[in-house]
Structures are given as C-alpha cells and as structure tokens.
C-alpha cells in the first residue's frame, strides 16, 4: 500500500481501529474542526433524497468500515453524504480473530468473481498484497458494542451530519444457542427499537451477513425476513426501513423477498449487495484466514461490481413488473465516478462504496466533480 493509509487500518485489529481510528485523510478531517464538508453542502443543494431525507448527492458508505461516530463524522467531512453506522446488536458481540482483511486476487482478467462459479469453492488467492483495483476479504463476524455504548455514540453521529447529509443506522438480530425463532424475530424488533431511541430518521436491517450460522444468510429465507420486518415495523412505525441483501441468484426468490416485505408495506427499500462468499487460500493452497469456520469469507470491492449491478438491475425490473414503490441502494465494487453512474443507470436511487472509499478517501469529491 506504499505510504497510503486507508481510514480503516487493515494492519490493526478491529478493537484498535475502534479505539484509535479513523486514520489517514479521515483522521485529518476530524482535526480541522470545520464541520461538514463544504463541497458536500453545496454541490446539489440537497436536491436529491434518500428514503425521504434530503441529501446533496445520494452517495455514501455502507455498513462495515464506519465503526463509530468518529468514523461517520469524518465521512461527512470528506463529502460522503450518506454515512452508515456499522451494524449494531441488542448485546455486545465479539469480532472474529485478527486478521479480518486480506487482499483477494480472483483469476479473471478484470479481477471479478462470478456468483455460482467453481472458483468460489476451489479457492481464491488471498494475501497482504493490496493492489488497485482493490478487492478484500470481509471477515469480522458483525461485532457490536453493547447498547449502553452504541446508543449515545449513535446519537452523536446523527447530530454530526451537516446540511444535506444523513446518518444511516444499520442493525440486525442476534441468534444465540437455544433461541426459538420467535425469540430471534423479537430480538430484531428490540434492536430496531433501540436504534429508534437514538433519534434515527431511517434504518437498514442487515440480512446479508452469516447471522443464521456458518455461511448461512437470513436473506436466503424471504418468508422469515417478511415476518421479521413486520415485527420491526410494529416497533418503529413510520420510520423508513431498508433491508440489506446479499446476492440472490434466483429471480423467483428475489421476487418473493419483495412481495414478502414491500408487498406487505413493511419495507421501503433494499441495499445490495454485501459480499460474495468464497473459499480463500494462500499461495500454498492452505486456508488463508486462521481459525475454525473461517475457510470461507465474504469478498468485497472490485471483484463484486458485476454481481452488484446485476442485483440492482433485477430489483429494478421486479419493481417495474410489480408496480411497487421502493428504493434501491446500489453497493459493490464502486471505485470510480463511472461506477457510481453505472449503478444509477442500472436503476439505483442511491449508491454506496465501502472498499473503494477505504482506499480512496476523495471518492465522494471525485464523483461530485464529475457531475
């Protein structure tokens, strides 16, 4: 990475990043004390919107690298008008062991991964050779502070948004041993209520991490997602709810997801995609990430842009087919202004970048300058 320093330092533990971060340009943005980024507050005069909230440009950073209010505030100051507070839970939850991030190198000429391809099961090279265009592993296990820590910090994050900027809280339920399905549903509703108490104007429910057990995703069970969103909506009322999805290969399953949520009036949008799961190996073909149950990891960054664009286009087609009104937030492999525009052209109402933003703190400014 030469002398470049991503705002989340992949060479440090999650705990160190939480306590000491952000780094690089984001750290400098916190030092200036000038509040929200000037370019962010003037570029469009809040002429766009995100789930009903006015925004300067519908572009930002999704759930993942913005660990607390320092990270989200720095994101605002760097011109990212949508800053997603990393997914929170109803209880404290530990992080997977370090390392969590490795550089990932697919075999294809353009560095892309294809959902369902043999390469995902045979093994994809992962190491510490971070090269552009960047793709990385995402092996954290959705850690969370306890509510008595994240609630006041989330309130501070919400208050730090400048004109035309929105703090986007992300949450999920926690399945623990011996928990019934009804208790699991109730935990989602409880966590949503805790988020509501911070003054959140909207929220995103994460169904795209392995919260159903090892490499099992909640979003692959549309009917259960439907039941959960009904319980969540009873807690949050008119607050808009977006659901974060992983790649769903079946059009039928994706349509069932829409019908089970938007069709019942419980969901106002979808954010997609999170990652693509792949077996990660080192140069000798051995497991790249240490520890039991970590032979596979979600891959994000440049490698998943094609899959992300595909999901957005398919959701947009379902939206038109069913005549339903919901928003689409496009995520996955956005590393340039052209990628932002490609997602908008595919049907996305808003766009976010995690890995691309980590490696290019000026990405929001570049997108605004290109318009």
Protein backbone atom coordinates (compact mmCIF):
# COMPACT_ATOMS: atom_id res chain seq x y z
CA UNK A 1 0.00 0.00 0.00
CA UNK A 2 3.15 2.18 -0.05
CA UNK A 3 2.53 5.33 2.01
CA UNK A 4 -1.25 5.35 1.58
CA UNK A 5 -3.28 4.81 4.73
CA UNK A 6 -6.91 3.65 4.45
CA UNK A 7 -9.21 5.19 7.05
CA UNK A 8 -9.72 1.66 8.44
CA UNK A 9 -6.21 0.31 9.02
CA UNK A 10 -6.27 -3.34 7.92
CA UNK A 11 -2.93 -3.98 9.64
CA UNK A 12 -4.51 -3.29 13.04
CA UNK A 13 -7.14 -5.24 14.95
CA UNK A 14 -10.80 -4.27 14.89
CA UNK A 15 -10.52 -3.24 18.54
CA UNK A 16 -7.56 -0.96 17.81
CA UNK A 17 -9.40 0.62 14.89
CA UNK A 18 -12.45 1.21 17.08
CA UNK A 19 -10.41 2.90 19.82
CA UNK A 20 -7.81 4.74 17.73
CA UNK A 21 -9.33 5.28 14.27
CA UNK A 22 -10.05 6.59 11.79
CA UNK A 23 -6.70 7.00 10.07
CA UNK A 24 -5.27 8.78 7.04
CA UNK A 25 -7.33 11.54 5.44
CA UNK A 26 -10.30 10.79 7.69
CA UNK A 27 -8.16 11.50 10.76
CA UNK A 28 -7.09 14.79 9.21
CA UNK A 29 -10.72 15.70 8.51
CA UNK A 30 -11.52 15.37 12.23
CA UNK A 31 -8.70 17.74 13.12
CA UNK A 32 -9.86 20.67 11.02
CA UNK A 33 -12.94 21.34 13.17
CA UNK A 34 -14.76 22.92 10.27
CA UNK A 35 -17.86 20.74 10.45
CA UNK A 36 -19.43 19.22 7.37
CA UNK A 37 -17.55 19.23 4.10
CA UNK A 38 -18.21 22.40 2.12
CA UNK A 39 -18.37 20.58 -1.20
CA UNK A 40 -20.93 18.25 0.29
CA UNK A 41 -23.24 21.04 1.38
CA UNK A 42 -23.20 23.00 -1.86
CA UNK A 43 -22.85 20.56 -4.77
CA UNK A 44 -26.54 19.88 -5.29
CA UNK A 45 -28.28 21.98 -2.66
CA UNK A 46 -29.88 18.86 -1.19
CA UNK A 47 -31.89 18.35 -4.36
CA UNK A 48 -31.69 14.55 -4.07
CA UNK A 49 -33.17 12.30 -1.38
CA UNK A 50 -32.58 9.05 0.48
CA UNK A 51 -35.66 7.33 1.92
CA UNK A 52 -37.36 10.69 2.15
CA UNK A 53 -34.43 12.59 3.66
CA UNK A 54 -32.84 15.40 1.60
CA UNK A 55 -29.26 14.76 0.55
CA UNK A 56 -26.74 16.68 -1.54
CA UNK A 57 -25.69 13.60 -3.50
CA UNK A 58 -27.18 10.13 -2.91
CA UNK A 59 -23.74 8.61 -2.34
CA UNK A 60 -22.00 7.37 0.76
CA UNK A 61 -20.51 4.48 2.70
CA UNK A 62 -22.49 1.33 3.65
CA UNK A 63 -22.41 -0.73 6.83
CA UNK A 64 -18.93 -2.02 7.60
CA UNK A 65 -15.98 0.35 7.90
CA UNK A 66 -17.57 3.25 9.83
CA UNK A 67 -17.17 1.85 13.34
CA UNK A 68 -18.40 4.75 15.47
CA UNK A 69 -19.24 8.46 15.44
CA UNK A 70 -15.64 9.50 14.77
CA UNK A 71 -15.64 7.49 11.55
CA UNK A 72 -19.08 8.69 10.43
CA UNK A 73 -18.28 12.33 11.23
CA UNK A 74 -15.06 12.11 9.23
CA UNK A 75 -17.01 10.58 6.34
CA UNK A 76 -19.41 13.53 6.36
CA UNK A 77 -16.50 15.96 6.36
CA UNK A 78 -14.97 14.15 3.37
CA UNK A 79 -18.13 14.70 1.35
CA UNK A 80 -19.87 11.34 1.81
CA UNK A 81 -23.44 12.50 2.31
CA UNK A 82 -24.70 9.07 3.44
CA UNK A 83 -22.74 7.54 6.31
CA UNK A 84 -23.84 4.15 7.61
CA UNK A 85 -23.11 3.40 11.27
CA UNK A 86 -21.69 -0.13 11.47
CA UNK A 87 -24.32 -2.79 12.22
CA UNK A 88 -25.36 -2.85 15.88
CA UNK A 89 -26.96 -5.58 18.01
CA UNK A 90 -29.06 -5.80 21.17
CA UNK A 91 -26.00 -7.07 23.06
CA UNK A 92 -22.21 -6.89 22.91
CA UNK A 93 -20.76 -9.22 20.28
CA UNK A 94 -17.10 -10.07 19.70
CA UNK A 95 -15.13 -9.78 16.49
CA UNK A 96 -13.51 -12.64 14.59
CA UNK A 97 -9.79 -13.02 15.33
CA UNK A 98 -7.26 -10.83 13.51
CA UNK A 99 -6.62 -10.64 10.59
CA UNK A 100 -10.03 -9.75 9.21
CA UNK A 101 -8.99 -8.18 5.93
CA UNK A 102 -6.75 -9.68 3.24
CA UNK A 103 -6.27 -8.65 -0.37
CA UNK A 104 -8.16 -11.01 -2.69
CA UNK A 105 -6.99 -11.86 -6.22
CA UNK A 106 -9.55 -13.57 -8.50
CA UNK A 107 -8.22 -15.32 -11.59
CA UNK A 108 -10.26 -13.37 -14.15
CA UNK A 109 -8.54 -10.71 -16.23
CA UNK A 110 -10.74 -7.94 -14.81
CA UNK A 111 -10.49 -9.25 -11.24
CA UNK A 112 -14.18 -10.14 -10.99
CA UNK A 113 -15.90 -13.01 -9.21
CA UNK A 114 -18.98 -14.68 -10.68
CA UNK A 115 -21.70 -15.94 -8.31
CA UNK A 116 -22.01 -19.72 -8.53
CA UNK A 117 -18.66 -20.20 -10.27
CA UNK A 118 -16.36 -23.12 -9.41
CA UNK A 119 -13.60 -20.72 -8.37
CA UNK A 120 -15.56 -19.72 -5.26
CA UNK A 121 -15.33 -23.29 -3.93
CA UNK A 122 -11.94 -24.23 -5.34
CA UNK A 123 -10.16 -21.31 -3.70
CA UNK A 124 -9.28 -17.69 -4.39
CA UNK A 125 -5.82 -16.33 -3.57
CA UNK A 126 -5.74 -14.01 -0.55
CA UNK A 127 -2.64 -12.27 0.84
CA UNK A 128 -1.37 -8.90 2.04
CA UNK A 129 -0.52 -7.60 -1.45
CA UNK A 130 -3.06 -4.75 -1.67
CA UNK A 131 -3.30 -3.64 -5.30
CA UNK A 132 -5.70 -1.41 -7.21
CA UNK A 133 -8.42 -2.04 -8.23
CA UNK A 134 -8.87 -3.34 -4.72
CA UNK A 135 -10.76 -6.44 -3.57
CA UNK A 136 -10.61 -7.65 0.03
CA UNK A 137 -11.93 -10.20 2.48
CA UNK A 138 -14.59 -9.13 4.99
CA UNK A 139 -14.27 -11.50 7.94
CA UNK A 140 -15.42 -9.68 11.07
CA UNK A 141 -18.43 -11.62 12.29
CA UNK A 142 -20.53 -8.44 12.78
CA UNK A 143 -19.10 -7.28 16.11
CA UNK A 144 -21.09 -4.82 18.20
CA UNK A 145 -20.70 -2.77 21.33
CA UNK A 146 -23.44 -3.06 23.94
CA UNK A 147 -26.40 -0.65 23.58
CA UNK A 148 -25.24 1.45 26.52
CA UNK A 149 -22.15 2.24 24.43
CA UNK A 150 -23.52 2.49 20.90
CA UNK A 151 -26.77 4.34 21.65
CA UNK A 152 -25.16 7.59 22.92
CA UNK A 153 -22.48 7.33 20.25
CA UNK A 154 -25.11 6.88 17.53
CA UNK A 155 -26.91 9.98 18.81
CA UNK A 156 -23.65 11.92 18.44
CA UNK A 157 -23.20 10.51 14.94
CA UNK A 158 -26.69 11.63 13.91
CA UNK A 159 -26.10 15.13 15.28
CA UNK A 160 -22.80 15.48 13.37
CA UNK A 161 -24.47 15.28 9.95
CA UNK A 162 -24.28 18.54 8.03
CA UNK A 163 -26.95 20.03 5.75
CA UNK A 164 -27.94 17.51 3.09
CA UNK A 165 -26.29 14.63 4.96
CA UNK A 166 -27.86 11.63 6.69
CA UNK A 167 -26.61 9.14 9.27
CA UNK A 168 -27.86 5.67 8.31
CA UNK A 169 -28.00 3.24 11.27
CA UNK A 170 -27.60 -0.46 10.47
CA UNK A 171 -28.84 -3.19 12.81
CA UNK A 172 -29.53 -6.91 12.95
CA UNK A 173 -30.92 -9.54 15.27
CA UNK A 174 -28.65 -11.98 17.09
CA UNK A 175 -29.27 -15.70 17.06
CA UNK A 176 -27.86 -17.42 20.14
CA UNK A 177 -27.88 -21.07 21.15
CA UNK A 178 -31.26 -22.30 22.34
CA UNK A 179 -33.13 -19.30 20.93
CA UNK A 180 -36.50 -20.02 19.32
CA UNK A 181 -37.50 -18.47 16.00
CA UNK A 182 -39.98 -16.22 17.78
CA UNK A 183 -37.25 -15.02 20.15
CA UNK A 184 -34.99 -14.39 17.16
CA UNK A 185 -37.68 -12.29 15.49
CA UNK A 186 -38.25 -10.41 18.76
CA UNK A 187 -34.54 -9.63 19.04
CA UNK A 188 -34.65 -7.84 15.68
CA UNK A 189 -37.60 -5.79 16.90
CA UNK A 190 -35.85 -4.98 20.17
CA UNK A 191 -32.72 -3.81 18.36
CA UNK A 192 -34.78 -1.68 15.98
CA UNK A 193 -36.45 -0.04 18.98
CA UNK A 194 -33.04 0.70 20.49
CA UNK A 195 -32.00 2.34 17.21
CA UNK A 196 -35.23 4.36 17.12
CA UNK A 197 -34.46 5.69 20.60
CA UNK A 198 -31.35 7.43 19.23
CA UNK A 199 -33.48 9.70 17.05
CA UNK A 200 -32.73 7.85 13.81
CA UNK A 201 -34.73 9.11 10.81
CA UNK A 202 -34.39 5.80 8.94
CA UNK A 203 -32.59 2.49 9.34
CA UNK A 204 -31.20 -0.51 7.48
CA UNK A 205 -31.69 -4.11 8.62
CA UNK A 206 -28.74 -6.33 7.76
CA UNK A 207 -29.85 -9.74 6.45
CA UNK A 208 -26.71 -10.37 4.41
CA UNK A 209 -24.12 -11.48 6.94
CA UNK A 210 -23.78 -15.07 8.27
CA UNK A 211 -26.23 -14.42 11.10
CA UNK A 212 -28.03 -17.72 10.57
CA UNK A 213 -24.94 -19.79 11.32
CA UNK A 214 -21.76 -20.53 9.39
CA UNK A 215 -22.14 -19.13 5.84
CA UNK A 216 -25.94 -19.08 6.11
CA UNK A 217 -27.70 -15.82 5.33
CA UNK A 218 -31.04 -14.59 6.58
CA UNK A 219 -31.80 -13.02 3.19
CA UNK A 220 -31.96 -16.51 1.68
CA UNK A 221 -35.17 -17.03 3.68
CA UNK A 222 -37.55 -14.37 2.27
CA UNK A 223 -40.56 -15.53 4.26
CA UNK A 224 -38.68 -15.23 7.56
CA UNK A 225 -37.43 -11.79 6.53
CA UNK A 226 -41.06 -10.88 5.90
CA UNK A 227 -42.09 -11.96 9.40
CA UNK A 228 -39.17 -10.10 10.95
CA UNK A 229 -39.87 -6.87 9.11
CA UNK A 230 -43.49 -6.98 10.26
CA UNK A 231 -42.30 -7.19 13.89
CA UNK A 232 -39.74 -4.44 13.30
CA UNK A 233 -42.31 -2.14 11.72
CA UNK A 234 -44.55 -2.51 14.76
CA UNK A 235 -41.69 -1.04 16.81
CA UNK A 236 -40.52 1.75 14.50
CA UNK A 237 -43.81 2.90 12.95
CA UNK A 238 -43.39 5.34 10.07
CA UNK A 239 -39.58 5.36 10.17
CA UNK A 240 -38.41 4.10 6.73
CA UNK A 241 -36.82 0.64 6.73
CA UNK A 242 -34.33 -0.64 4.17
CA UNK A 243 -33.13 -4.26 4.01
CA UNK A 244 -29.52 -5.13 3.12
CA UNK A 245 -29.27 -8.13 0.78
CA UNK A 246 -26.52 -10.41 -0.41
CA UNK A 247 -26.57 -11.80 -3.95
CA UNK A 248 -29.73 -13.82 -4.55
CA UNK A 249 -29.33 -15.94 -7.72
CA UNK A 250 -32.98 -16.88 -8.23
CA UNK A 251 -35.35 -14.30 -9.71
CA UNK A 252 -38.20 -16.17 -8.03
CA UNK A 253 -36.59 -15.89 -4.60
CA UNK A 254 -35.81 -12.22 -5.17
CA UNK A 255 -39.40 -11.51 -6.20
CA UNK A 256 -40.63 -13.43 -3.16
CA UNK A 257 -38.42 -11.20 -0.99
CA UNK A 258 -40.05 -8.10 -2.49
CA UNK A 259 -43.57 -9.49 -2.17
CA UNK A 260 -42.96 -10.61 1.44
CA UNK A 261 -41.73 -7.19 2.54
CA UNK A 262 -42.59 -4.27 0.28
CA UNK A 263 -45.77 -6.08 -0.70
CA UNK A 264 -46.85 -6.05 2.95
CA UNK A 265 -45.89 -2.42 3.48
CA UNK A 266 -43.06 -3.19 5.89
CA UNK A 267 -40.02 -2.25 3.78
CA UNK A 268 -39.27 0.90 1.80
CA UNK A 269 -36.03 -0.12 0.10
CA UNK A 270 -33.25 -2.64 -0.48
CA UNK A 271 -29.48 -2.19 -0.30
CA UNK A 272 -27.46 -4.66 -2.35
CA UNK A 273 -25.02 -6.34 -2.44
CA UNK A 274 -22.93 -7.02 0.61
CA UNK A 275 -20.28 -9.57 -0.36
CA UNK A 276 -19.77 -12.79 -2.33
CA UNK A 277 -18.73 -15.79 -0.24
CA UNK A 278 -15.55 -17.55 -1.39
CA UNK A 279 -13.02 -20.06 -0.11
CA UNK A 280 -9.82 -18.08 0.48
CA UNK A 281 -6.40 -19.73 0.20
CA UNK A 282 -2.81 -18.62 0.50
CA UNK A 283 -0.12 -19.15 -2.15
CA UNK A 284 0.31 -22.75 -0.97
CA UNK A 285 -3.39 -23.54 -1.20
CA UNK A 286 -3.91 -23.53 2.56
CA UNK A 287 -6.69 -21.72 4.45
CA UNK A 288 -5.83 -18.01 4.32
CA UNK A 289 -7.71 -16.78 7.39
CA UNK A 290 -6.79 -18.56 10.64
CA UNK A 291 -9.31 -20.35 12.83
CA UNK A 292 -12.15 -22.83 12.69
CA UNK A 293 -15.05 -21.95 10.42
CA UNK A 294 -13.07 -19.29 8.54
CA UNK A 295 -12.21 -21.24 5.41
CA UNK A 296 -14.67 -19.01 3.58
CA UNK A 297 -15.11 -15.24 3.76
CA UNK A 298 -17.21 -12.58 2.16
CA UNK A 299 -15.31 -10.80 -0.61
CA UNK A 300 -15.99 -7.15 -1.37
CA UNK A 301 -14.54 -4.46 -3.59
CA UNK A 302 -13.82 -4.51 -7.31
CA UNK A 303 -14.48 -8.27 -7.60
CA UNK A 304 -18.20 -7.98 -6.89
CA UNK A 305 -19.22 -4.98 -9.01
CA UNK A 306 -20.73 -7.10 -11.77
CA UNK A 307 -22.84 -9.05 -9.29
CA UNK A 308 -23.95 -5.86 -7.57
CA UNK A 309 -25.03 -4.25 -10.82
CA UNK A 310 -26.88 -7.44 -11.76
CA UNK A 311 -28.83 -7.45 -8.49
CA UNK A 312 -29.77 -3.78 -8.85
CA UNK A 313 -30.98 -4.28 -12.43
CA UNK A 314 -33.04 -7.32 -11.44
CA UNK A 315 -34.59 -5.50 -8.48
CA UNK A 316 -35.43 -2.57 -10.75
CA UNK A 317 -37.12 -4.96 -13.20
CA UNK A 318 -39.15 -6.54 -10.37
CA UNK A 319 -40.11 -3.07 -9.14
CA UNK A 320 -41.48 -2.24 -12.58
CA UNK A 321 -43.15 -5.63 -13.04
CA UNK A 322 -45.00 -5.49 -9.71
CA UNK A 323 -45.71 -1.77 -9.78
CA UNK A 324 -44.40 -1.41 -6.24
CA UNK A 325 -42.71 1.70 -4.87
CA UNK A 326 -39.38 1.02 -3.17
CA UNK A 327 -35.88 2.46 -3.31
CA UNK A 328 -32.74 0.63 -4.41
CA UNK A 329 -29.33 1.37 -2.90
CA UNK A 330 -26.55 0.01 -5.12
CA UNK A 331 -23.44 -1.34 -3.39
CA UNK A 332 -20.47 -3.39 -4.52
CA UNK A 333 -17.20 -2.50 -6.23
CA UNK A 334 -17.72 1.25 -6.60
CA UNK A 335 -14.20 2.59 -7.02
CA UNK A 336 -14.70 5.42 -9.53
CA UNK A 337 -17.23 8.04 -10.69
CA UNK A 338 -18.02 5.78 -13.66
CA UNK A 339 -19.04 3.00 -11.26
CA UNK A 340 -21.39 5.38 -9.45
CA UNK A 341 -23.03 6.30 -12.74
CA UNK A 342 -23.26 2.65 -13.82
CA UNK A 343 -25.28 1.85 -10.70
CA UNK A 344 -27.57 4.83 -11.27
CA UNK A 345 -28.08 3.73 -14.87
CA UNK A 346 -28.94 0.21 -13.66
CA UNK A 347 -31.79 1.57 -11.54
CA UNK A 348 -30.19 2.51 -8.21
CA UNK A 349 -31.70 5.52 -6.45
CA UNK A 350 -28.58 5.84 -4.31
CA UNK A 351 -25.09 4.32 -4.31
CA UNK A 352 -22.56 3.43 -1.61
CA UNK A 353 -18.91 2.34 -1.54
CA UNK A 354 -17.07 0.66 1.32
CA UNK A 355 -13.83 -0.84 -0.01
CA UNK A 356 -13.45 1.80 -2.72
CA UNK A 357 -13.90 4.58 -0.17
CA UNK A 358 -11.45 2.96 2.23
CA UNK A 359 -8.75 3.09 -0.44
CA UNK A 360 -9.79 6.46 -1.88
CA UNK A 361 -10.94 8.98 0.71
CA UNK A 362 -11.51 11.50 -2.10
CA UNK A 363 -14.04 9.30 -3.91
CA UNK A 364 -17.07 11.41 -2.97
CA UNK A 365 -15.32 14.59 -4.08
CA UNK A 366 -14.35 12.95 -7.38
CA UNK A 367 -17.94 11.87 -8.06
CA UNK A 368 -19.26 15.34 -7.30
CA UNK A 369 -16.61 16.93 -9.55
CA UNK A 370 -17.55 14.60 -12.41
CA UNK A 371 -21.19 15.63 -12.46
